[in-house]
Amino acid sequence: MLMSAGDGLAQQEHGSSVDFFLGLGSEPASDVGTTFGFGAGLNIPFTNIFNAGGAADNLMIRADLSYFSWEGDTGPIDVEFTRIPLFLGVRYFVSGDKIKSEGLGIYAEIGIELSFDEVEVKTPLLGTISDDEINFGVPIGAGIQYYISEKWYLGFNARLHIISDSYFTLLGSIGFDL
């Protein structure tokens, strides 16, 4: 259930869901520009895992995996930067009785992120230099979900990734209840 009875989106209960997203990632390092990225996520009601009530009724556990790849050049130097962030966190939905639009869910989120990063620099003098890292970060964000049917929803999410070479993402999604 996305929220408890009486608090749910459109005053109905929603369970676990899966979504797929596509969006923009801002420049995490100089001279690589903005890029497109994609990914998939899973939402599980907090109360499905933990015996809690009250505010926990509006809480979802969120996990998602994304892929972003930036390319840029400065004169003869080409840079490729790939980032694959694994997010694990929570989404807190505004109580359904506070939203007048049926089917609309508004949320804030926070979590931790393991980012699998690869940087490849190609220079005429040194050839290709590569570096792989795993970075730890704290993403914070907000978004909306709007149910277009009983099981399907569209969403929009904005997330600031506070990590080495921090960046910002704007994602559009389509999802369905399991």
Protein backbone atom coordinates (compact mmCIF):
# COMPACT_ATOMS: atom_id res chain seq x y z
CA MET A 1 0.00 0.00 0.00
CA LEU A 2 1.37 3.35 -0.97
CA MET A 3 -0.46 4.92 1.92
CA SER A 4 -2.85 3.71 4.55
CA ALA A 5 -6.58 3.56 4.05
CA GLY A 6 -7.97 7.08 4.08
CA ASP A 7 -4.56 8.61 3.39
CA GLY A 8 -3.81 6.99 0.01
CA LEU A 9 -3.52 8.54 -3.38
CA ALA A 10 -7.08 9.12 -4.51
CA GLN A 11 -8.11 7.69 -1.14
CA GLN A 12 -7.16 4.18 -2.24
CA GLU A 13 -4.37 1.86 -1.22
CA HIS A 14 -1.40 1.21 -3.49
CA GLY A 15 1.13 -1.54 -2.97
CA SER A 16 4.62 -2.10 -4.22
CA SER A 17 5.39 -0.67 -7.64
CA VAL A 18 8.03 -0.67 -10.36
CA ASP A 19 8.89 2.27 -12.59
CA PHE A 20 11.14 3.03 -15.51
CA PHE A 21 12.57 6.47 -16.07
CA LEU A 22 14.39 8.66 -18.57
CA GLY A 23 15.82 12.09 -17.92
CA LEU A 24 18.62 14.61 -17.82
CA GLY A 25 21.77 14.62 -15.70
CA SER A 26 23.65 17.88 -15.18
CA GLU A 27 27.39 18.23 -15.62
CA PRO A 28 29.25 16.43 -12.78
CA ALA A 29 32.71 17.51 -13.99
CA SER A 30 33.81 20.45 -16.07
CA ASP A 31 33.52 20.35 -19.85
CA VAL A 32 31.35 17.24 -20.18
CA GLY A 33 27.93 18.94 -20.54
CA THR A 34 24.47 17.64 -19.76
CA THR A 35 23.38 14.14 -20.77
CA PHE A 36 20.44 11.78 -20.92
CA GLY A 37 20.13 8.85 -18.55
CA PHE A 38 17.77 6.00 -17.84
CA GLY A 39 16.97 3.50 -15.11
CA ALA A 40 14.47 1.46 -13.16
CA GLY A 41 13.18 1.60 -9.60
CA LEU A 42 11.18 -0.30 -7.01
CA ASN A 43 8.90 1.11 -4.28
CA ILE A 44 7.84 -0.98 -1.28
CA PRO A 45 5.51 0.32 1.45
CA PHE A 46 7.44 0.77 4.70
CA THR A 47 4.61 -0.92 6.61
CA ASN A 48 5.01 -4.06 4.47
CA ILE A 49 8.44 -4.58 6.04
CA PHE A 50 8.23 -2.88 9.44
CA ASN A 51 5.38 -2.98 11.96
CA ALA A 52 4.70 0.73 12.25
CA GLY A 53 1.82 3.12 11.83
CA GLY A 54 1.07 6.80 11.89
CA ALA A 55 3.46 8.77 9.68
CA ALA A 56 5.03 5.50 8.47
CA ASP A 57 1.80 4.86 6.53
CA ASN A 58 2.94 7.53 4.04
CA LEU A 59 6.49 6.17 3.73
CA MET A 60 7.87 4.06 0.88
CA ILE A 61 11.22 2.33 0.70
CA ARG A 62 12.81 3.18 -2.65
CA ALA A 63 15.60 1.46 -4.58
CA ASP A 64 16.68 2.40 -8.08
CA LEU A 65 19.55 1.92 -10.50
CA SER A 66 20.45 4.52 -13.14
CA TYR A 67 22.93 4.94 -15.97
CA PHE A 68 24.41 8.26 -17.10
CA SER A 69 27.30 8.82 -19.51
CA TRP A 70 28.79 12.24 -20.32
CA GLU A 71 31.25 13.13 -23.08
CA GLY A 72 33.15 16.33 -23.66
CA ASP A 73 36.34 17.73 -25.08
CA THR A 74 38.68 20.58 -24.44
CA GLY A 75 40.76 21.02 -27.56
CA PRO A 76 42.58 17.76 -28.26
CA ILE A 77 41.56 16.16 -24.92
CA ASP A 78 38.44 13.97 -24.91
CA VAL A 79 36.73 13.07 -21.62
CA GLU A 80 34.15 10.33 -21.06
CA PHE A 81 32.52 10.07 -17.65
CA THR A 82 30.14 7.21 -16.81
CA ARG A 83 28.19 7.04 -13.58
CA ILE A 84 25.95 4.15 -12.47
CA PRO A 85 24.28 5.19 -9.20
CA LEU A 86 22.51 2.68 -6.96
CA PHE A 87 20.04 4.54 -4.70
CA LEU A 88 18.48 3.18 -1.51
CA GLY A 89 16.27 5.47 0.52
CA VAL A 90 12.78 6.52 1.52
CA ARG A 91 10.02 8.58 -0.03
CA TYR A 92 7.57 10.38 2.22
CA PHE A 93 4.25 11.15 0.52
CA VAL A 94 2.07 14.08 1.54
CA SER A 95 -1.09 12.69 3.09
CA GLY A 96 -3.83 12.12 0.49
CA ASP A 97 -6.40 14.07 2.50
CA LYS A 98 -4.25 17.22 2.06
CA ILE A 99 -4.24 16.96 -1.76
CA LYS A 100 -7.37 17.93 -3.66
CA SER A 101 -6.42 16.27 -6.95
CA GLU A 102 -7.52 12.64 -7.04
CA GLY A 103 -4.68 10.29 -8.03
CA LEU A 104 -1.88 12.78 -7.32
CA GLY A 105 0.96 11.95 -4.95
CA ILE A 106 3.62 14.47 -3.90
CA TYR A 107 6.75 13.28 -2.11
CA ALA A 108 10.16 14.19 -0.73
CA GLU A 109 12.98 11.65 -0.67
CA ILE A 110 16.39 11.06 0.85
CA GLY A 111 18.76 8.15 0.74
CA ILE A 112 22.25 6.87 0.23
CA GLU A 113 23.92 6.24 -3.07
CA LEU A 114 26.73 3.99 -4.21
CA SER A 115 27.97 5.31 -7.53
CA PHE A 116 30.09 3.19 -9.82
CA ASP A 117 32.10 5.74 -11.79
CA GLU A 118 34.51 5.50 -14.69
CA VAL A 119 36.51 8.35 -16.18
CA GLU A 120 38.40 7.95 -19.43
CA VAL A 121 40.63 10.74 -20.73
CA LYS A 122 42.15 10.56 -24.22
CA THR A 123 45.10 12.82 -24.96
CA PRO A 124 47.43 12.96 -27.97
CA LEU A 125 50.54 12.87 -25.74
CA LEU A 126 49.60 10.34 -23.05
CA GLY A 127 47.06 8.20 -24.91
CA THR A 128 44.10 6.89 -22.91
CA ILE A 129 44.01 7.17 -19.12
CA SER A 130 41.21 5.42 -17.20
CA ASP A 131 40.11 5.47 -13.58
CA ASP A 132 37.33 3.47 -11.91
CA GLU A 133 35.92 4.42 -8.52
CA ILE A 134 33.04 3.63 -6.21
CA ASN A 135 31.76 6.78 -4.54
CA PHE A 136 29.33 7.21 -1.65
CA GLY A 137 26.78 10.03 -1.64
CA VAL A 138 23.55 11.39 -0.20
CA PRO A 139 20.85 12.23 -2.75
CA ILE A 140 17.86 14.37 -1.79
CA GLY A 141 14.88 15.06 -3.99
CA ALA A 142 11.21 15.59 -4.55
CA GLY A 143 8.65 14.51 -7.07
CA ILE A 144 5.11 13.73 -8.06
CA GLN A 145 3.20 10.65 -9.17
CA TYR A 146 -0.13 10.80 -10.95
CA TYR A 147 -2.22 7.68 -11.40
CA ILE A 148 -3.62 7.54 -14.95
CA SER A 149 -5.49 4.32 -14.16
CA GLU A 150 -6.02 2.07 -11.17
CA LYS A 151 -2.53 0.53 -11.55
CA TRP A 152 -0.47 2.81 -13.86
CA TYR A 153 1.12 6.16 -13.02
CA LEU A 154 3.30 8.85 -14.55
CA GLY A 155 5.92 10.63 -12.48
CA PHE A 156 8.43 13.44 -12.39
CA ASN A 157 11.42 13.57 -10.04
CA ALA A 158 14.18 16.08 -9.29
CA ARG A 159 17.18 14.88 -7.28
CA LEU A 160 20.39 16.54 -6.09
CA HIS A 161 23.20 13.99 -5.80
CA ILE A 162 25.62 15.18 -3.10
CA ILE A 163 28.67 13.12 -3.97
CA SER A 164 32.14 13.65 -5.40
CA ASP A 165 31.46 15.58 -8.61
CA SER A 166 27.90 16.36 -7.44
CA TYR A 167 25.18 16.61 -10.05
CA PHE A 168 21.44 17.14 -10.49
CA THR A 169 18.90 14.93 -12.29
CA LEU A 170 15.42 15.58 -13.69
CA LEU A 171 13.57 12.36 -14.53
CA GLY A 172 10.24 11.44 -16.07
CA SER A 173 8.84 8.01 -15.27
CA ILE A 174 6.11 5.53 -15.99
CA GLY A 175 5.26 2.91 -13.41
CA PHE A 176 2.76 0.32 -12.35
CA ASP A 177 1.60 -1.30 -9.11
CA LEU A 178 2.59 -4.92 -8.63
